[in-house]
Amino acid sequence: MSKKQITPEEEEGPEELCIIDTLVEEHCNQNMQDKLNESLVDFEEGLSESPTVLATLQSWRKIEEILPLFNKEEEAAAEKEIPKLNLKPYLWS
């Protein structure tokens, strides 16, 4: 790569910036994919299981699930134990 000075007339416009952004993103994605593939090769070398187990592991995906704050019994107990407010009148002096 040459170190050429960019003059104001040669500055990148929105289209060039979009292309640069796309190229950088593709490069980063490729680097991540390469690292994942290297890790998978390391994993495969260390795995002494059958190929069917490996094929199953490769197809697994993370499933996000929102877990409840309480289980059903705790939730029912919490609903029954709603505290009652004991309000007293405020005395103005």
N, C-alpha and C. Protein backbone atom coordinates (compact mmCIF):
# COMPACT_ATOMS: atom_id res chain seq x y z
N MET A 1 0.83 -1.17 0.00
CA MET A 1 0.00 0.00 0.00
C MET A 1 0.89 1.24 0.00
N SER A 2 0.56 2.18 -0.79
CA SER A 2 1.34 3.41 -0.84
C SER A 2 0.75 4.44 0.11
N LYS A 3 1.62 5.28 0.62
CA LYS A 3 1.17 6.33 1.53
C LYS A 3 1.00 7.61 0.74
N LYS A 4 -0.13 7.75 0.11
CA LYS A 4 -0.42 8.91 -0.73
C LYS A 4 -1.26 9.89 0.08
N GLN A 5 -0.90 11.15 0.00
CA GLN A 5 -1.66 12.18 0.69
C GLN A 5 -2.99 12.39 -0.05
N ILE A 6 -4.07 12.46 0.72
CA ILE A 6 -5.39 12.67 0.13
C ILE A 6 -5.68 14.17 0.15
N THR A 7 -5.93 14.69 -1.00
CA THR A 7 -6.28 16.11 -1.09
C THR A 7 -7.78 16.26 -0.92
N PRO A 8 -8.26 17.45 -0.57
CA PRO A 8 -9.71 17.63 -0.38
C PRO A 8 -10.54 17.23 -1.60
N GLU A 9 -9.97 17.35 -2.79
CA GLU A 9 -10.73 16.97 -3.98
C GLU A 9 -10.87 15.45 -4.10
N GLU A 10 -9.96 14.70 -3.46
CA GLU A 10 -9.96 13.24 -3.59
C GLU A 10 -10.62 12.53 -2.41
N GLU A 11 -11.26 13.25 -1.50
CA GLU A 11 -11.88 12.61 -0.35
C GLU A 11 -12.98 11.67 -0.80
N GLU A 12 -13.15 10.60 0.01
CA GLU A 12 -14.17 9.61 -0.33
C GLU A 12 -15.57 10.17 -0.11
N GLY A 13 -16.44 9.82 -1.02
CA GLY A 13 -17.84 10.18 -0.88
C GLY A 13 -18.60 9.07 -0.18
N PRO A 14 -19.91 9.22 -0.03
CA PRO A 14 -20.70 8.20 0.67
C PRO A 14 -20.62 6.82 0.02
N GLU A 15 -20.54 6.77 -1.29
CA GLU A 15 -20.49 5.46 -1.97
C GLU A 15 -19.18 4.74 -1.66
N GLU A 16 -18.07 5.50 -1.70
CA GLU A 16 -16.78 4.90 -1.39
C GLU A 16 -16.72 4.44 0.05
N LEU A 17 -17.28 5.27 0.96
CA LEU A 17 -17.28 4.91 2.37
C LEU A 17 -18.11 3.65 2.61
N CYS A 18 -19.21 3.52 1.89
CA CYS A 18 -20.05 2.33 2.02
C CYS A 18 -19.29 1.10 1.54
N ILE A 19 -18.57 1.23 0.46
CA ILE A 19 -17.78 0.11 -0.07
C ILE A 19 -16.68 -0.26 0.92
N ILE A 20 -16.00 0.75 1.47
CA ILE A 20 -14.95 0.49 2.45
C ILE A 20 -15.53 -0.21 3.67
N ASP A 21 -16.66 0.28 4.16
CA ASP A 21 -17.31 -0.32 5.32
C ASP A 21 -17.67 -1.77 5.04
N THR A 22 -18.20 -2.04 3.87
CA THR A 22 -18.57 -3.40 3.49
C THR A 22 -17.34 -4.31 3.43
N LEU A 23 -16.25 -3.80 2.85
CA LEU A 23 -15.02 -4.60 2.76
C LEU A 23 -14.44 -4.89 4.14
N VAL A 24 -14.46 -3.91 5.02
CA VAL A 24 -13.96 -4.13 6.38
C VAL A 24 -14.81 -5.16 7.10
N GLU A 25 -16.13 -5.04 6.97
CA GLU A 25 -17.04 -5.98 7.61
C GLU A 25 -16.82 -7.40 7.09
N GLU A 26 -16.68 -7.55 5.78
CA GLU A 26 -16.44 -8.87 5.20
C GLU A 26 -15.10 -9.43 5.67
N HIS A 27 -14.09 -8.58 5.78
CA HIS A 27 -12.78 -9.03 6.25
C HIS A 27 -12.87 -9.53 7.69
N CYS A 28 -13.56 -8.76 8.55
CA CYS A 28 -13.72 -9.17 9.95
C CYS A 28 -14.51 -10.47 10.06
N ASN A 29 -15.57 -10.58 9.28
CA ASN A 29 -16.36 -11.82 9.30
C ASN A 29 -15.53 -13.00 8.85
N GLN A 30 -14.71 -12.81 7.82
CA GLN A 30 -13.86 -13.90 7.34
C GLN A 30 -12.83 -14.29 8.40
N ASN A 31 -12.27 -13.30 9.08
CA ASN A 31 -11.31 -13.62 10.15
C ASN A 31 -11.97 -14.42 11.26
N MET A 32 -13.18 -14.01 11.66
CA MET A 32 -13.89 -14.76 12.70
C MET A 32 -14.20 -16.17 12.24
N GLN A 33 -14.63 -16.31 10.99
CA GLN A 33 -14.94 -17.64 10.45
C GLN A 33 -13.69 -18.51 10.43
N ASP A 34 -12.56 -17.93 10.03
CA ASP A 34 -11.30 -18.69 10.02
C ASP A 34 -10.92 -19.16 11.41
N LYS A 35 -11.06 -18.27 12.41
CA LYS A 35 -10.73 -18.65 13.78
C LYS A 35 -11.68 -19.73 14.30
N LEU A 36 -12.95 -19.62 13.95
CA LEU A 36 -13.90 -20.65 14.36
C LEU A 36 -13.57 -21.99 13.72
N ASN A 37 -13.19 -21.95 12.44
CA ASN A 37 -12.82 -23.19 11.76
C ASN A 37 -11.58 -23.81 12.39
N GLU A 38 -10.60 -22.98 12.75
CA GLU A 38 -9.40 -23.49 13.41
C GLU A 38 -9.77 -24.13 14.75
N SER A 39 -10.66 -23.48 15.49
CA SER A 39 -11.08 -24.03 16.78
C SER A 39 -11.83 -25.35 16.58
N LEU A 40 -12.63 -25.41 15.54
CA LEU A 40 -13.37 -26.64 15.26
C LEU A 40 -12.42 -27.77 14.91
N VAL A 41 -11.37 -27.46 14.13
CA VAL A 41 -10.38 -28.48 13.79
C VAL A 41 -9.70 -28.97 15.06
N ASP A 42 -9.32 -28.04 15.94
CA ASP A 42 -8.70 -28.43 17.22
C ASP A 42 -9.66 -29.30 18.02
N PHE A 43 -10.92 -28.92 18.02
CA PHE A 43 -11.93 -29.69 18.75
C PHE A 43 -12.08 -31.08 18.16
N GLU A 44 -12.15 -31.15 16.82
CA GLU A 44 -12.30 -32.45 16.16
C GLU A 44 -11.12 -33.36 16.44
N GLU A 45 -9.91 -32.79 16.49
CA GLU A 45 -8.73 -33.59 16.77
C GLU A 45 -8.75 -34.14 18.18
N GLY A 46 -9.30 -33.38 19.11
CA GLY A 46 -9.34 -33.82 20.50
C GLY A 46 -10.55 -34.66 20.82
N LEU A 47 -11.50 -34.74 19.94
CA LEU A 47 -12.73 -35.48 20.19
C LEU A 47 -12.57 -36.92 19.75
N SER A 48 -12.85 -37.83 20.64
CA SER A 48 -12.69 -39.25 20.29
C SER A 48 -14.04 -39.91 20.04
N GLU A 49 -15.09 -39.12 19.85
CA GLU A 49 -16.42 -39.66 19.60
C GLU A 49 -16.60 -39.99 18.12
N SER A 50 -17.73 -40.58 17.81
CA SER A 50 -18.02 -40.95 16.43
C SER A 50 -18.36 -39.71 15.60
N PRO A 51 -18.28 -39.80 14.27
CA PRO A 51 -18.60 -38.66 13.41
C PRO A 51 -20.04 -38.19 13.53
N THR A 52 -20.96 -39.07 13.89
CA THR A 52 -22.36 -38.64 14.02
C THR A 52 -22.53 -37.67 15.18
N VAL A 53 -21.79 -37.87 16.25
CA VAL A 53 -21.86 -36.94 17.39
C VAL A 53 -21.33 -35.59 16.95
N LEU A 54 -20.26 -35.58 16.21
CA LEU A 54 -19.68 -34.33 15.73
C LEU A 54 -20.65 -33.60 14.80
N ALA A 55 -21.32 -34.34 13.93
CA ALA A 55 -22.29 -33.73 13.02
C ALA A 55 -23.44 -33.11 13.82
N THR A 56 -23.84 -33.76 14.90
CA THR A 56 -24.90 -33.22 15.74
C THR A 56 -24.45 -31.94 16.42
N LEU A 57 -23.23 -31.91 16.94
CA LEU A 57 -22.73 -30.72 17.61
C LEU A 57 -22.63 -29.53 16.66
N GLN A 58 -22.26 -29.76 15.42
CA GLN A 58 -22.12 -28.67 14.47
C GLN A 58 -23.46 -28.04 14.12
N SER A 59 -24.53 -28.79 14.21
CA SER A 59 -25.84 -28.25 13.84
C SER A 59 -26.57 -27.59 15.01
N TRP A 60 -26.02 -27.68 16.21
CA TRP A 60 -26.67 -27.06 17.37
C TRP A 60 -26.61 -25.55 17.28
N ARG A 61 -27.65 -24.92 17.72
CA ARG A 61 -27.72 -23.46 17.76
C ARG A 61 -28.14 -23.05 19.17
N LYS A 62 -27.74 -21.86 19.56
CA LYS A 62 -28.13 -21.34 20.86
C LYS A 62 -29.59 -20.90 20.78
N ILE A 63 -30.38 -21.36 21.72
CA ILE A 63 -31.79 -20.97 21.78
C ILE A 63 -31.95 -20.07 23.00
N GLU A 64 -32.38 -18.85 22.74
CA GLU A 64 -32.58 -17.93 23.84
C GLU A 64 -33.99 -18.12 24.39
N GLU A 65 -34.06 -18.19 25.71
CA GLU A 65 -35.35 -18.39 26.36
C GLU A 65 -35.41 -17.46 27.56
N ILE A 66 -36.49 -16.76 27.68
CA ILE A 66 -36.68 -15.88 28.83
C ILE A 66 -37.24 -16.73 29.96
N LEU A 67 -36.49 -16.81 31.04
CA LEU A 67 -36.90 -17.62 32.18
C LEU A 67 -37.77 -16.78 33.11
N PRO A 68 -38.76 -17.41 33.75
CA PRO A 68 -39.62 -16.66 34.67
C PRO A 68 -38.84 -16.26 35.92
N LEU A 69 -39.26 -15.17 36.54
CA LEU A 69 -38.61 -14.69 37.74
C LEU A 69 -38.88 -15.63 38.91
N PHE A 70 -40.09 -16.17 38.99
CA PHE A 70 -40.48 -17.10 40.03
C PHE A 70 -40.99 -18.38 39.38
N ASN A 71 -40.90 -19.48 40.12
CA ASN A 71 -41.59 -20.66 39.63
C ASN A 71 -43.07 -20.51 39.99
N LYS A 72 -43.92 -21.39 39.51
CA LYS A 72 -45.36 -21.20 39.65
C LYS A 72 -45.81 -21.19 41.11
N GLU A 73 -45.18 -22.03 41.94
CA GLU A 73 -45.58 -22.07 43.35
C GLU A 73 -45.22 -20.76 44.04
N GLU A 74 -43.99 -20.26 43.79
CA GLU A 74 -43.57 -19.01 44.41
C GLU A 74 -44.42 -17.84 43.91
N GLU A 75 -44.79 -17.86 42.64
CA GLU A 75 -45.61 -16.79 42.09
C GLU A 75 -47.00 -16.78 42.73
N ALA A 76 -47.58 -17.98 42.91
CA ALA A 76 -48.90 -18.07 43.54
C ALA A 76 -48.82 -17.59 44.99
N ALA A 77 -47.76 -17.96 45.70
CA ALA A 77 -47.61 -17.53 47.09
C ALA A 77 -47.43 -16.02 47.16
N ALA A 78 -46.68 -15.47 46.23
CA ALA A 78 -46.46 -14.02 46.23
C ALA A 78 -47.76 -13.27 45.96
N GLU A 79 -48.60 -13.81 45.10
CA GLU A 79 -49.88 -13.16 44.80
C GLU A 79 -50.80 -13.19 46.02
N LYS A 80 -50.75 -14.27 46.80
CA LYS A 80 -51.59 -14.38 47.98
C LYS A 80 -51.12 -13.46 49.09
N GLU A 81 -49.83 -13.20 49.16
CA GLU A 81 -49.26 -12.43 50.26
C GLU A 81 -49.08 -10.95 49.90
N ILE A 82 -50.06 -10.37 49.27
CA ILE A 82 -49.97 -8.95 48.92
C ILE A 82 -50.10 -8.15 50.21
N PRO A 83 -49.09 -7.34 50.51
CA PRO A 83 -49.16 -6.58 51.78
C PRO A 83 -50.25 -5.51 51.72
N LYS A 84 -50.90 -5.33 52.87
CA LYS A 84 -51.94 -4.30 52.95
C LYS A 84 -51.32 -3.07 53.58
N LEU A 85 -51.66 -1.92 53.04
CA LEU A 85 -51.12 -0.68 53.55
C LEU A 85 -51.93 -0.22 54.75
N ASN A 86 -51.23 0.17 55.78
CA ASN A 86 -51.88 0.70 56.97
C ASN A 86 -51.66 2.21 56.95
N LEU A 87 -52.61 2.94 56.39
CA LEU A 87 -52.48 4.38 56.23
C LEU A 87 -53.03 5.11 57.45
N LYS A 88 -52.26 6.06 57.93
CA LYS A 88 -52.71 6.88 59.07
C LYS A 88 -52.84 8.31 58.58
N PRO A 89 -53.79 9.03 59.11
CA PRO A 89 -53.95 10.43 58.68
C PRO A 89 -52.77 11.27 59.15
N TYR A 90 -52.40 12.22 58.31
CA TYR A 90 -51.31 13.12 58.63
C TYR A 90 -51.87 14.31 59.40
N LEU A 91 -51.26 14.61 60.53
CA LEU A 91 -51.72 15.72 61.36
C LEU A 91 -50.98 16.98 60.97
N TRP A 92 -51.74 17.99 60.58
CA TRP A 92 -51.15 19.28 60.22
C TRP A 92 -50.99 20.11 61.48
N SER A 93 -49.89 20.71 61.68
CA SER A 93 -49.70 21.53 62.88
C SER A 93 -49.83 23.00 62.57
